[in-house]
Amino acid sequence: RYAPALSIEPQALYRQGKELVEEGYLTADMDKARIAREGKDLTIVTWGAMVPICHKAADEAAENGVDCEIVDLRSLLPWDADTVVESVKKTGRLIAVQEAPRTCGFASEVSATVAEKAVEYLEAPIGRVAGFDTPFPNTLEHVYKPDKTRVLNALEYVGHRPQRRFRAHPHSPAIQDKRNRAMAYEFKLPDIGEGLTEGEVVKWLVNEGDVVVDDQPMVEVMTDK
């Protein structure tokens, strides 16, 4: 006996694919997600008609130096959580993109699962891109459905813009894997009274490239007092 299976194909994809295919039979495990595009900076999880939209966004992001990885789930029940989690562990960021309304959508299941299994790897909040929580407007379909611009806006939300908006937890494995990433800090002399506004660095307590944590002594300063 075989359990019944329901396959839903977005008509919008029928004319999207234009490439050569191999001769013979093509088989695929539909309960396994596929890495539609490899990347190292950000994971985009999607399926169905949103896959080409995410590819367009990833192409534009690449022009600005952001390397996106796209995971095409292909199947929602069962769905391949392991592939998604492994991708997020590598990139440290996640955006889930769906065509359905935001509330009670499958992107929420993806987000919750990653939060449960890989929260310590996340360098920024999880982003979701979805349809609006309204009845589907037949005459405004192009406004309702997520597009490239909305996916790119989500990239900014999770911290990928020319200047980073979010700082990861200093002990996260993602930070440990990216120790060679240069970061600049501004040091301000604390208010210790007596009109002191300047000091001289006499000794550094850390070396270039070291990973530092909050409240860690980094430098010794001498003042004229």
N, C-alpha and C. Protein backbone atom coordinates (compact mmCIF):
# COMPACT_ATOMS: atom_id res chain seq x y z
N ARG A 1 0.83 -1.19 0.00
CA ARG A 1 0.00 0.00 0.00
C ARG A 1 0.87 1.25 0.00
N TYR A 2 0.35 2.31 -0.59
CA TYR A 2 1.04 3.58 -0.63
C TYR A 2 0.13 4.65 -0.04
N ALA A 3 0.71 5.53 0.78
CA ALA A 3 -0.07 6.63 1.32
C ALA A 3 -0.38 7.63 0.21
N PRO A 4 -1.54 8.25 0.24
CA PRO A 4 -1.86 9.24 -0.81
C PRO A 4 -0.92 10.44 -0.72
N ALA A 5 -0.59 10.99 -1.86
CA ALA A 5 0.28 12.16 -1.92
C ALA A 5 -0.38 13.24 -2.77
N LEU A 6 -0.23 14.49 -2.36
CA LEU A 6 -0.81 15.62 -3.08
C LEU A 6 0.33 16.48 -3.61
N SER A 7 0.37 16.66 -4.92
CA SER A 7 1.40 17.48 -5.55
C SER A 7 0.74 18.72 -6.15
N ILE A 8 1.24 19.89 -5.75
CA ILE A 8 0.71 21.16 -6.25
C ILE A 8 1.80 21.87 -7.03
N GLU A 9 1.52 22.21 -8.28
CA GLU A 9 2.50 22.85 -9.13
C GLU A 9 2.06 24.27 -9.47
N PRO A 10 2.85 25.28 -9.16
CA PRO A 10 2.50 26.66 -9.55
C PRO A 10 2.55 26.82 -11.06
N GLN A 11 1.46 27.27 -11.64
CA GLN A 11 1.43 27.46 -13.09
C GLN A 11 2.46 28.48 -13.55
N ALA A 12 2.79 29.42 -12.67
CA ALA A 12 3.75 30.46 -13.04
C ALA A 12 5.12 29.89 -13.37
N LEU A 13 5.41 28.66 -12.92
CA LEU A 13 6.72 28.07 -13.17
C LEU A 13 6.79 27.32 -14.49
N TYR A 14 5.67 27.10 -15.15
CA TYR A 14 5.67 26.28 -16.36
C TYR A 14 6.56 26.86 -17.45
N ARG A 15 6.65 28.17 -17.53
CA ARG A 15 7.45 28.81 -18.59
C ARG A 15 8.75 29.40 -18.05
N GLN A 16 9.07 29.10 -16.78
CA GLN A 16 10.27 29.68 -16.18
C GLN A 16 11.54 28.94 -16.58
N GLY A 17 11.47 27.60 -16.64
CA GLY A 17 12.66 26.81 -16.89
C GLY A 17 13.02 26.74 -18.36
N LYS A 18 14.22 27.17 -18.71
CA LYS A 18 14.71 27.09 -20.08
C LYS A 18 16.17 26.67 -20.03
N GLU A 19 16.40 25.36 -20.07
CA GLU A 19 17.76 24.85 -20.04
C GLU A 19 17.77 23.42 -20.57
N LEU A 20 18.94 22.96 -20.91
CA LEU A 20 19.08 21.61 -21.42
C LEU A 20 18.91 20.60 -20.30
N VAL A 21 18.31 19.48 -20.60
CA VAL A 21 18.14 18.42 -19.61
C VAL A 21 18.83 17.15 -20.12
N GLU A 22 19.23 16.30 -19.19
CA GLU A 22 19.90 15.07 -19.56
C GLU A 22 18.89 14.07 -20.12
N GLU A 23 19.38 13.22 -21.00
CA GLU A 23 18.52 12.17 -21.54
C GLU A 23 18.28 11.09 -20.50
N GLY A 24 17.18 10.38 -20.66
CA GLY A 24 16.86 9.30 -19.73
C GLY A 24 15.95 9.78 -18.62
N TYR A 25 15.80 8.95 -17.61
CA TYR A 25 14.90 9.24 -16.51
C TYR A 25 15.59 10.17 -15.50
N LEU A 26 14.82 11.10 -14.98
CA LEU A 26 15.30 12.02 -13.96
C LEU A 26 14.55 11.72 -12.66
N THR A 27 15.26 11.34 -11.64
CA THR A 27 14.62 11.02 -10.36
C THR A 27 15.15 11.97 -9.28
N ALA A 28 14.32 12.22 -8.28
CA ALA A 28 14.71 13.08 -7.17
C ALA A 28 13.91 12.68 -5.94
N ASP A 29 14.53 12.79 -4.79
CA ASP A 29 13.83 12.54 -3.53
C ASP A 29 13.05 13.79 -3.17
N MET A 30 11.73 13.74 -3.34
CA MET A 30 10.92 14.93 -3.13
C MET A 30 10.83 15.34 -1.66
N ASP A 31 11.19 14.47 -0.75
CA ASP A 31 11.18 14.85 0.66
C ASP A 31 12.52 15.43 1.09
N LYS A 32 13.44 15.61 0.14
CA LYS A 32 14.73 16.20 0.42
C LYS A 32 14.84 17.57 -0.25
N ALA A 33 15.25 18.56 0.51
CA ALA A 33 15.43 19.88 -0.06
C ALA A 33 16.66 19.89 -0.96
N ARG A 34 16.70 20.82 -1.88
CA ARG A 34 17.86 20.96 -2.76
C ARG A 34 18.50 22.33 -2.55
N ILE A 35 19.79 22.37 -2.64
CA ILE A 35 20.50 23.64 -2.57
C ILE A 35 20.47 24.25 -3.98
N ALA A 36 19.54 25.17 -4.19
CA ALA A 36 19.38 25.76 -5.51
C ALA A 36 20.49 26.74 -5.85
N ARG A 37 21.12 27.28 -4.82
CA ARG A 37 22.24 28.20 -5.02
C ARG A 37 23.09 28.16 -3.76
N GLU A 38 24.38 27.94 -3.93
CA GLU A 38 25.26 27.88 -2.77
C GLU A 38 25.75 29.27 -2.40
N GLY A 39 25.90 29.50 -1.08
CA GLY A 39 26.38 30.78 -0.59
C GLY A 39 26.91 30.63 0.82
N LYS A 40 27.47 31.71 1.36
CA LYS A 40 28.10 31.64 2.68
C LYS A 40 27.63 32.71 3.65
N ASP A 41 26.91 33.74 3.19
CA ASP A 41 26.56 34.87 4.05
C ASP A 41 25.15 34.80 4.62
N LEU A 42 24.24 34.12 3.93
CA LEU A 42 22.83 34.20 4.29
C LEU A 42 22.09 33.02 3.68
N THR A 43 21.14 32.46 4.42
CA THR A 43 20.31 31.36 3.91
C THR A 43 18.91 31.88 3.60
N ILE A 44 18.44 31.64 2.39
CA ILE A 44 17.06 31.93 1.99
C ILE A 44 16.35 30.61 1.78
N VAL A 45 15.30 30.36 2.55
CA VAL A 45 14.52 29.12 2.42
C VAL A 45 13.20 29.47 1.74
N THR A 46 12.87 28.74 0.69
CA THR A 46 11.65 29.02 -0.05
C THR A 46 11.22 27.77 -0.80
N TRP A 47 10.18 27.90 -1.62
CA TRP A 47 9.68 26.79 -2.42
C TRP A 47 8.72 27.34 -3.47
N GLY A 48 8.43 26.51 -4.48
CA GLY A 48 7.42 26.86 -5.47
C GLY A 48 7.75 28.10 -6.28
N ALA A 49 6.74 28.96 -6.47
CA ALA A 49 6.88 30.12 -7.36
C ALA A 49 7.84 31.17 -6.82
N MET A 50 8.20 31.08 -5.54
CA MET A 50 9.11 32.07 -4.96
C MET A 50 10.58 31.78 -5.26
N VAL A 51 10.88 30.59 -5.76
CA VAL A 51 12.28 30.24 -6.03
C VAL A 51 12.91 31.19 -7.04
N PRO A 52 12.30 31.42 -8.22
CA PRO A 52 12.93 32.36 -9.17
C PRO A 52 12.99 33.79 -8.63
N ILE A 53 12.01 34.19 -7.81
CA ILE A 53 12.05 35.52 -7.21
C ILE A 53 13.29 35.65 -6.31
N CYS A 54 13.54 34.61 -5.53
CA CYS A 54 14.70 34.64 -4.64
C CYS A 54 16.01 34.62 -5.42
N HIS A 55 16.02 33.93 -6.55
CA HIS A 55 17.22 33.93 -7.39
C HIS A 55 17.52 35.34 -7.90
N LYS A 56 16.50 36.07 -8.30
CA LYS A 56 16.71 37.44 -8.78
C LYS A 56 17.25 38.32 -7.67
N ALA A 57 16.70 38.15 -6.46
CA ALA A 57 17.19 38.93 -5.34
C ALA A 57 18.63 38.57 -5.00
N ALA A 58 18.95 37.28 -5.06
CA ALA A 58 20.31 36.84 -4.76
C ALA A 58 21.31 37.36 -5.79
N ASP A 59 20.89 37.43 -7.05
CA ASP A 59 21.78 37.97 -8.09
C ASP A 59 22.12 39.43 -7.80
N GLU A 60 21.10 40.20 -7.41
CA GLU A 60 21.35 41.63 -7.12
C GLU A 60 22.16 41.77 -5.83
N ALA A 61 21.89 40.94 -4.84
CA ALA A 61 22.67 41.00 -3.60
C ALA A 61 24.13 40.68 -3.85
N ALA A 62 24.39 39.75 -4.77
CA ALA A 62 25.77 39.37 -5.08
C ALA A 62 26.56 40.56 -5.64
N GLU A 63 25.88 41.45 -6.35
CA GLU A 63 26.55 42.64 -6.88
C GLU A 63 27.03 43.55 -5.77
N ASN A 64 26.41 43.44 -4.60
CA ASN A 64 26.81 44.25 -3.44
C ASN A 64 27.64 43.45 -2.45
N GLY A 65 28.12 42.29 -2.88
CA GLY A 65 29.02 41.52 -2.05
C GLY A 65 28.37 40.59 -1.05
N VAL A 66 27.05 40.33 -1.16
CA VAL A 66 26.35 39.44 -0.26
C VAL A 66 26.11 38.11 -0.97
N ASP A 67 26.65 37.04 -0.43
CA ASP A 67 26.60 35.71 -1.06
C ASP A 67 25.47 34.90 -0.42
N CYS A 68 24.33 34.80 -1.10
CA CYS A 68 23.15 34.13 -0.55
C CYS A 68 23.11 32.65 -0.94
N GLU A 69 22.69 31.82 0.00
CA GLU A 69 22.42 30.41 -0.29
C GLU A 69 20.91 30.21 -0.32
N ILE A 70 20.40 29.59 -1.38
CA ILE A 70 18.96 29.37 -1.54
C ILE A 70 18.67 27.89 -1.35
N VAL A 71 17.76 27.58 -0.41
CA VAL A 71 17.33 26.22 -0.16
C VAL A 71 15.89 26.08 -0.65
N ASP A 72 15.68 25.23 -1.65
CA ASP A 72 14.35 24.95 -2.19
C ASP A 72 13.80 23.72 -1.48
N LEU A 73 12.78 23.91 -0.64
CA LEU A 73 12.26 22.79 0.15
C LEU A 73 11.66 21.69 -0.72
N ARG A 74 10.96 22.06 -1.78
CA ARG A 74 10.29 21.13 -2.69
C ARG A 74 9.10 20.42 -2.05
N SER A 75 9.23 19.99 -0.82
CA SER A 75 8.14 19.30 -0.12
C SER A 75 7.92 19.96 1.24
N LEU A 76 6.65 20.17 1.61
CA LEU A 76 6.33 20.77 2.90
C LEU A 76 5.92 19.74 3.95
N LEU A 77 5.50 18.58 3.51
CA LEU A 77 5.13 17.52 4.44
C LEU A 77 5.37 16.17 3.78
N PRO A 78 6.47 15.49 4.13
CA PRO A 78 7.49 15.92 5.09
C PRO A 78 8.39 17.01 4.52
N TRP A 79 9.07 17.73 5.41
CA TRP A 79 10.02 18.73 4.93
C TRP A 79 11.39 18.47 5.54
N ASP A 80 12.40 18.88 4.82
CA ASP A 80 13.79 18.55 5.14
C ASP A 80 14.38 19.61 6.07
N ALA A 81 14.10 19.47 7.36
CA ALA A 81 14.62 20.44 8.33
C ALA A 81 16.13 20.34 8.47
N ASP A 82 16.69 19.15 8.30
CA ASP A 82 18.13 18.97 8.50
C ASP A 82 18.95 19.82 7.53
N THR A 83 18.54 19.83 6.26
CA THR A 83 19.27 20.63 5.28
C THR A 83 19.20 22.11 5.60
N VAL A 84 18.04 22.57 6.04
CA VAL A 84 17.88 23.98 6.39
C VAL A 84 18.76 24.34 7.58
N VAL A 85 18.74 23.51 8.61
CA VAL A 85 19.52 23.79 9.82
C VAL A 85 21.01 23.81 9.51
N GLU A 86 21.48 22.87 8.71
CA GLU A 86 22.90 22.84 8.36
C GLU A 86 23.31 24.08 7.58
N SER A 87 22.42 24.55 6.71
CA SER A 87 22.73 25.77 5.96
C SER A 87 22.82 26.97 6.88
N VAL A 88 21.89 27.08 7.82
CA VAL A 88 21.90 28.21 8.75
C VAL A 88 23.14 28.16 9.65
N LYS A 89 23.56 26.97 10.04
CA LYS A 89 24.78 26.85 10.84
C LYS A 89 25.99 27.39 10.08
N LYS A 90 25.95 27.27 8.77
CA LYS A 90 27.07 27.75 7.95
C LYS A 90 27.03 29.26 7.76
N THR A 91 25.82 29.82 7.53
CA THR A 91 25.71 31.23 7.18
C THR A 91 25.42 32.14 8.38
N GLY A 92 24.71 31.63 9.38
CA GLY A 92 24.39 32.45 10.55
C GLY A 92 23.18 33.35 10.40
N ARG A 93 22.51 33.32 9.24
CA ARG A 93 21.35 34.18 9.01
C ARG A 93 20.31 33.41 8.20
N LEU A 94 19.02 33.78 8.41
CA LEU A 94 17.93 33.08 7.74
C LEU A 94 16.83 34.04 7.33
N ILE A 95 16.36 33.86 6.09
CA ILE A 95 15.14 34.50 5.60
C ILE A 95 14.26 33.40 5.02
N ALA A 96 13.02 33.32 5.47
CA ALA A 96 12.04 32.37 4.93
C ALA A 96 11.05 33.13 4.06
N VAL A 97 10.90 32.68 2.83
CA VAL A 97 10.08 33.39 1.85
C VAL A 97 8.94 32.49 1.40
N GLN A 98 7.70 32.99 1.51
CA GLN A 98 6.53 32.24 1.07
C GLN A 98 5.56 33.16 0.35
N GLU A 99 4.74 32.58 -0.52
CA GLU A 99 3.74 33.35 -1.25
C GLU A 99 2.47 33.52 -0.42
N ALA A 100 2.21 32.63 0.51
CA ALA A 100 1.00 32.65 1.33
C ALA A 100 1.03 33.82 2.32
N PRO A 101 -0.13 34.14 2.94
CA PRO A 101 -0.15 35.19 3.97
C PRO A 101 0.83 34.91 5.09
N ARG A 102 1.26 35.95 5.76
CA ARG A 102 2.30 35.83 6.78
C ARG A 102 1.82 35.00 7.98
N THR A 103 0.62 35.26 8.46
CA THR A 103 0.11 34.58 9.65
C THR A 103 -0.24 33.12 9.34
N CYS A 104 0.24 32.21 10.19
CA CYS A 104 -0.03 30.78 10.07
C CYS A 104 0.57 30.17 8.80
N GLY A 105 1.59 30.80 8.23
CA GLY A 105 2.24 30.27 7.04
C GLY A 105 3.35 29.30 7.40
N PHE A 106 3.82 28.54 6.40
CA PHE A 106 4.86 27.54 6.66
C PHE A 106 6.20 28.18 6.98
N ALA A 107 6.39 29.42 6.57
CA ALA A 107 7.63 30.11 6.92
C ALA A 107 7.78 30.22 8.44
N SER A 108 6.65 30.28 9.15
CA SER A 108 6.70 30.32 10.61
C SER A 108 7.22 28.99 11.17
N GLU A 109 6.84 27.88 10.55
CA GLU A 109 7.33 26.56 10.98
C GLU A 109 8.84 26.46 10.75
N VAL A 110 9.29 26.96 9.61
CA VAL A 110 10.73 26.96 9.32
C VAL A 110 11.47 27.80 10.35
N SER A 111 10.96 28.98 10.63
CA SER A 111 11.61 29.89 11.58
C SER A 111 11.67 29.27 12.97
N ALA A 112 10.55 28.67 13.43
CA ALA A 112 10.51 28.09 14.77
C ALA A 112 11.47 26.91 14.88
N THR A 113 11.56 26.08 13.85
CA THR A 113 12.45 24.92 13.89
C THR A 113 13.91 25.35 13.97
N VAL A 114 14.28 26.35 13.19
CA VAL A 114 15.66 26.85 13.24
C VAL A 114 15.95 27.45 14.61
N ALA A 115 14.99 28.17 15.17
CA ALA A 115 15.18 28.75 16.51
C ALA A 115 15.37 27.67 17.56
N GLU A 116 14.69 26.54 17.38
CA GLU A 116 14.80 25.44 18.34
C GLU A 116 16.13 24.69 18.20
N LYS A 117 16.60 24.52 16.97
CA LYS A 117 17.74 23.64 16.73
C LYS A 117 19.06 24.35 16.46
N ALA A 118 19.02 25.65 16.17
CA ALA A 118 20.28 26.32 15.81
C ALA A 118 20.32 27.78 16.25
N VAL A 119 19.62 28.10 17.34
CA VAL A 119 19.56 29.51 17.75
C VAL A 119 20.94 30.04 18.09
N GLU A 120 21.84 29.20 18.61
CA GLU A 120 23.16 29.67 19.00
C GLU A 120 24.04 30.03 17.80
N TYR A 121 23.61 29.63 16.62
CA TYR A 121 24.36 29.96 15.40
C TYR A 121 23.87 31.25 14.74
N LEU A 122 22.72 31.76 15.15
CA LEU A 122 22.13 32.92 14.49
C LEU A 122 22.87 34.20 14.88
N GLU A 123 23.22 34.99 13.89
CA GLU A 123 23.88 36.27 14.12
C GLU A 123 22.89 37.43 14.06
N ALA A 124 21.64 37.17 13.73
CA ALA A 124 20.65 38.24 13.58
C ALA A 124 19.26 37.63 13.69
N PRO A 125 18.22 38.45 13.88
CA PRO A 125 16.85 37.92 13.90
C PRO A 125 16.51 37.22 12.59
N ILE A 126 15.61 36.27 12.66
CA ILE A 126 15.12 35.58 11.46
C ILE A 126 14.16 36.49 10.71
N GLY A 127 14.31 36.56 9.40
CA GLY A 127 13.42 37.38 8.59
C GLY A 127 12.40 36.53 7.86
N ARG A 128 11.20 37.08 7.69
CA ARG A 128 10.15 36.41 6.92
C ARG A 128 9.62 37.36 5.85
N VAL A 129 9.45 36.82 4.65
CA VAL A 129 8.84 37.56 3.54
C VAL A 129 7.62 36.77 3.09
N ALA A 130 6.46 37.40 3.06
CA ALA A 130 5.23 36.67 2.77
C ALA A 130 4.19 37.58 2.16
N GLY A 131 3.07 36.97 1.75
CA GLY A 131 1.94 37.75 1.30
C GLY A 131 1.32 38.49 2.48
N PHE A 132 0.46 39.44 2.18
CA PHE A 132 -0.17 40.22 3.23
C PHE A 132 -1.35 39.46 3.84
N ASP A 133 -1.67 39.80 5.08
CA ASP A 133 -2.78 39.15 5.78
C ASP A 133 -4.11 39.79 5.36
N THR A 134 -4.43 39.61 4.09
CA THR A 134 -5.67 40.15 3.52
C THR A 134 -6.24 39.12 2.55
N PRO A 135 -7.52 39.22 2.20
CA PRO A 135 -8.04 38.38 1.12
C PRO A 135 -7.24 38.61 -0.16
N PHE A 136 -7.03 37.56 -0.91
CA PHE A 136 -6.20 37.68 -2.12
C PHE A 136 -6.85 38.63 -3.13
N PRO A 137 -6.18 39.72 -3.52
CA PRO A 137 -6.75 40.68 -4.46
C PRO A 137 -6.43 40.29 -5.91
N ASN A 138 -7.39 39.77 -6.63
CA ASN A 138 -7.13 39.29 -7.99
C ASN A 138 -6.59 40.38 -8.92
N THR A 139 -7.04 41.62 -8.72
CA THR A 139 -6.60 42.70 -9.61
C THR A 139 -5.28 43.32 -9.15
N LEU A 140 -4.81 42.97 -7.96
CA LEU A 140 -3.56 43.53 -7.45
C LEU A 140 -2.59 42.42 -7.06
N GLU A 141 -2.58 41.37 -7.86
CA GLU A 141 -1.73 40.22 -7.55
C GLU A 141 -0.26 40.62 -7.48
N HIS A 142 0.16 41.52 -8.36
CA HIS A 142 1.56 41.92 -8.40
C HIS A 142 1.97 42.71 -7.16
N VAL A 143 0.99 43.32 -6.48
CA VAL A 143 1.28 44.05 -5.25
C VAL A 143 1.30 43.10 -4.05
N TYR A 144 0.39 42.14 -4.07
CA TYR A 144 0.24 41.21 -2.94
C TYR A 144 1.42 40.25 -2.83
N LYS A 145 1.85 39.69 -3.94
CA LYS A 145 2.88 38.64 -3.89
C LYS A 145 4.25 39.23 -3.60
N PRO A 146 5.08 38.52 -2.81
CA PRO A 146 6.45 38.99 -2.57
C PRO A 146 7.22 39.11 -3.88
N ASP A 147 8.06 40.13 -3.95
CA ASP A 147 8.89 40.33 -5.14
C ASP A 147 10.34 40.51 -4.72
N LYS A 148 11.17 40.77 -5.70
CA LYS A 148 12.61 40.90 -5.45
C LYS A 148 12.91 41.99 -4.44
N THR A 149 12.21 43.10 -4.54
CA THR A 149 12.47 44.23 -3.65
C THR A 149 12.20 43.88 -2.19
N ARG A 150 11.12 43.16 -1.94
CA ARG A 150 10.79 42.80 -0.56
C ARG A 150 11.80 41.80 0.01
N VAL A 151 12.33 40.92 -0.83
CA VAL A 151 13.37 40.00 -0.37
C VAL A 151 14.65 40.78 -0.04
N LEU A 152 15.00 41.75 -0.87
CA LEU A 152 16.19 42.55 -0.62
C LEU A 152 16.04 43.39 0.65
N ASN A 153 14.82 43.87 0.91
CA ASN A 153 14.58 44.61 2.15
C ASN A 153 14.79 43.71 3.36
N ALA A 154 14.42 42.44 3.23
CA ALA A 154 14.62 41.49 4.33
C ALA A 154 16.11 41.26 4.58
N LEU A 155 16.93 41.33 3.54
CA LEU A 155 18.37 41.21 3.73
C LEU A 155 18.90 42.30 4.65
N GLU A 156 18.37 43.51 4.50
CA GLU A 156 18.79 44.59 5.40
C GLU A 156 18.33 44.31 6.82
N TYR A 157 17.12 43.73 6.96
CA TYR A 157 16.60 43.45 8.30
C TYR A 157 17.48 42.47 9.07
N VAL A 158 18.02 41.48 8.37
CA VAL A 158 18.86 40.50 9.05
C VAL A 158 20.32 40.92 9.09
N GLY A 159 20.60 42.15 8.72
CA GLY A 159 21.92 42.70 8.97
C GLY A 159 22.86 42.79 7.81
N HIS A 160 22.45 42.43 6.59
CA HIS A 160 23.38 42.49 5.46
C HIS A 160 23.15 43.77 4.67
N ARG A 161 23.94 44.76 4.99
CA ARG A 161 23.98 46.04 4.30
C ARG A 161 25.42 46.53 4.40
N PRO A 162 25.81 47.64 3.74
CA PRO A 162 27.21 48.05 3.77
C PRO A 162 27.81 48.13 5.18
N GLN A 163 27.03 48.56 6.17
CA GLN A 163 27.49 48.55 7.55
C GLN A 163 26.59 47.62 8.34
N ARG A 164 27.18 46.71 9.11
CA ARG A 164 26.39 45.72 9.85
C ARG A 164 25.54 46.40 10.90
N ARG A 165 24.26 46.01 10.99
CA ARG A 165 23.33 46.59 11.95
C ARG A 165 23.26 45.78 13.24
N PHE A 166 23.62 44.51 13.16
CA PHE A 166 23.45 43.63 14.31
C PHE A 166 24.78 43.00 14.69
N ARG A 167 24.98 42.79 15.99
CA ARG A 167 26.18 42.12 16.50
C ARG A 167 25.78 40.80 17.12
N ALA A 168 26.43 39.75 16.72
CA ALA A 168 26.08 38.42 17.21
C ALA A 168 26.57 38.24 18.64
N HIS A 169 26.03 37.23 19.31
CA HIS A 169 26.52 36.87 20.63
C HIS A 169 27.99 36.47 20.52
N PRO A 170 28.85 37.01 21.38
CA PRO A 170 30.30 36.78 21.20
C PRO A 170 30.72 35.34 21.28
N HIS A 171 29.91 34.47 21.90
CA HIS A 171 30.30 33.07 22.03
C HIS A 171 29.66 32.18 20.97
N SER A 172 28.92 32.74 20.01
CA SER A 172 28.23 31.91 19.04
C SER A 172 29.23 31.21 18.12
N PRO A 173 28.96 29.97 17.71
CA PRO A 173 29.87 29.27 16.81
C PRO A 173 30.09 30.01 15.50
N ALA A 174 29.07 30.74 15.05
CA ALA A 174 29.23 31.48 13.79
C ALA A 174 30.32 32.53 13.92
N ILE A 175 30.38 33.19 15.09
CA ILE A 175 31.44 34.18 15.31
C ILE A 175 32.80 33.51 15.38
N GLN A 176 32.87 32.36 16.05
CA GLN A 176 34.13 31.65 16.16
C GLN A 176 34.66 31.23 14.79
N ASP A 177 33.76 30.93 13.86
CA ASP A 177 34.17 30.52 12.53
C ASP A 177 34.59 31.70 11.66
N LYS A 178 34.35 32.93 12.12
CA LYS A 178 34.64 34.12 11.30
C LYS A 178 35.58 35.06 12.03
N ARG A 179 36.59 34.51 12.69
CA ARG A 179 37.49 35.33 13.48
C ARG A 179 38.31 36.30 12.64
N ASN A 180 38.50 35.95 11.38
CA ASN A 180 39.32 36.79 10.53
C ASN A 180 38.58 37.99 9.97
N ARG A 181 37.33 38.17 10.37
CA ARG A 181 36.56 39.32 9.86
C ARG A 181 36.94 40.56 10.67
N ALA A 182 37.48 41.56 10.00
CA ALA A 182 37.94 42.75 10.70
C ALA A 182 36.76 43.59 11.16
N MET A 183 36.85 44.12 12.40
CA MET A 183 35.81 44.98 12.93
C MET A 183 36.48 46.17 13.63
N ALA A 184 35.95 47.35 13.46
CA ALA A 184 36.50 48.57 14.06
C ALA A 184 35.62 49.01 15.22
N TYR A 185 36.25 49.52 16.27
CA TYR A 185 35.53 49.98 17.45
C TYR A 185 35.99 51.39 17.81
N GLU A 186 35.09 52.15 18.39
CA GLU A 186 35.42 53.47 18.90
C GLU A 186 35.51 53.40 20.42
N PHE A 187 36.64 53.82 20.97
CA PHE A 187 36.84 53.78 22.41
C PHE A 187 36.66 55.18 22.97
N LYS A 188 35.87 55.28 24.03
CA LYS A 188 35.68 56.56 24.69
C LYS A 188 36.16 56.47 26.13
N LEU A 189 36.90 57.50 26.59
CA LEU A 189 37.40 57.51 27.94
C LEU A 189 36.22 57.67 28.90
N PRO A 190 36.09 56.78 29.88
CA PRO A 190 34.97 56.89 30.81
C PRO A 190 35.06 58.16 31.64
N ASP A 191 33.93 58.63 32.12
CA ASP A 191 33.87 59.84 32.94
C ASP A 191 34.34 59.49 34.35
N ILE A 192 35.57 59.86 34.66
CA ILE A 192 36.13 59.57 35.99
C ILE A 192 36.33 60.85 36.80
N GLY A 193 35.74 61.95 36.33
CA GLY A 193 35.78 63.19 37.09
C GLY A 193 37.08 63.95 36.92
N GLU A 194 37.22 65.03 37.66
CA GLU A 194 38.42 65.86 37.68
C GLU A 194 38.77 66.43 36.32
N GLY A 195 37.78 66.50 35.42
CA GLY A 195 38.00 67.12 34.13
C GLY A 195 38.89 66.35 33.19
N LEU A 196 39.07 65.06 33.41
CA LEU A 196 39.93 64.26 32.53
C LEU A 196 39.21 63.96 31.22
N THR A 197 39.83 64.32 30.13
CA THR A 197 39.23 64.09 28.81
C THR A 197 40.17 63.34 27.88
N GLU A 198 41.44 63.17 28.26
CA GLU A 198 42.41 62.52 27.39
C GLU A 198 43.23 61.51 28.19
N GLY A 199 43.75 60.53 27.48
CA GLY A 199 44.61 59.54 28.10
C GLY A 199 45.54 58.95 27.06
N GLU A 200 46.61 58.32 27.51
CA GLU A 200 47.60 57.70 26.62
C GLU A 200 47.57 56.19 26.79
N VAL A 201 47.47 55.48 25.67
CA VAL A 201 47.50 54.03 25.70
C VAL A 201 48.92 53.58 26.00
N VAL A 202 49.07 52.86 27.12
CA VAL A 202 50.41 52.41 27.50
C VAL A 202 50.59 50.91 27.27
N LYS A 203 49.50 50.17 27.19
CA LYS A 203 49.64 48.73 27.00
C LYS A 203 48.35 48.14 26.44
N TRP A 204 48.47 47.36 25.38
CA TRP A 204 47.33 46.61 24.84
C TRP A 204 47.30 45.22 25.49
N LEU A 205 46.13 44.81 25.92
CA LEU A 205 45.96 43.52 26.59
C LEU A 205 45.45 42.44 25.64
N VAL A 206 45.18 42.81 24.39
CA VAL A 206 44.73 41.85 23.37
C VAL A 206 45.57 42.07 22.12
N ASN A 207 45.59 41.06 21.28
CA ASN A 207 46.32 41.15 20.02
C ASN A 207 45.37 41.29 18.85
N GLU A 208 45.89 41.77 17.74
CA GLU A 208 45.08 41.91 16.54
C GLU A 208 44.54 40.54 16.10
N GLY A 209 43.24 40.49 15.85
CA GLY A 209 42.61 39.25 15.43
C GLY A 209 41.99 38.45 16.57
N ASP A 210 42.27 38.86 17.84
CA ASP A 210 41.68 38.15 18.98
C ASP A 210 40.17 38.38 19.04
N VAL A 211 39.44 37.39 19.51
CA VAL A 211 38.01 37.52 19.77
C VAL A 211 37.83 38.05 21.18
N VAL A 212 37.07 39.13 21.33
CA VAL A 212 36.85 39.72 22.65
C VAL A 212 35.39 39.61 23.03
N VAL A 213 35.11 39.69 24.33
CA VAL A 213 33.76 39.59 24.83
C VAL A 213 33.43 40.85 25.63
N ASP A 214 32.17 41.01 25.99
CA ASP A 214 31.75 42.18 26.75
C ASP A 214 32.49 42.24 28.09
N ASP A 215 32.87 43.46 28.49
CA ASP A 215 33.52 43.73 29.77
C ASP A 215 34.91 43.13 29.90
N GLN A 216 35.50 42.70 28.80
CA GLN A 216 36.87 42.17 28.85
C GLN A 216 37.87 43.32 28.81
N PRO A 217 38.84 43.38 29.74
CA PRO A 217 39.87 44.42 29.68
C PRO A 217 40.66 44.30 28.37
N MET A 218 40.83 45.41 27.67
CA MET A 218 41.50 45.39 26.39
C MET A 218 42.74 46.29 26.34
N VAL A 219 42.77 47.32 27.20
CA VAL A 219 43.85 48.30 27.09
C VAL A 219 44.09 48.95 28.44
N GLU A 220 45.35 49.35 28.70
CA GLU A 220 45.67 50.12 29.87
C GLU A 220 45.96 51.56 29.44
N VAL A 221 45.34 52.51 30.14
CA VAL A 221 45.44 53.92 29.77
C VAL A 221 46.02 54.71 30.94
N MET A 222 46.93 55.64 30.66
CA MET A 222 47.51 56.51 31.67
C MET A 222 47.07 57.94 31.42
N THR A 223 46.68 58.62 32.48
CA THR A 223 46.26 60.02 32.38
C THR A 223 47.27 60.90 33.13
N ASP A 224 47.11 62.21 33.02
CA ASP A 224 48.03 63.13 33.69
C ASP A 224 47.72 63.27 35.18
N LYS A 225 46.73 62.57 35.67
CA LYS A 225 46.42 62.58 37.10
C LYS A 225 47.03 61.38 37.82
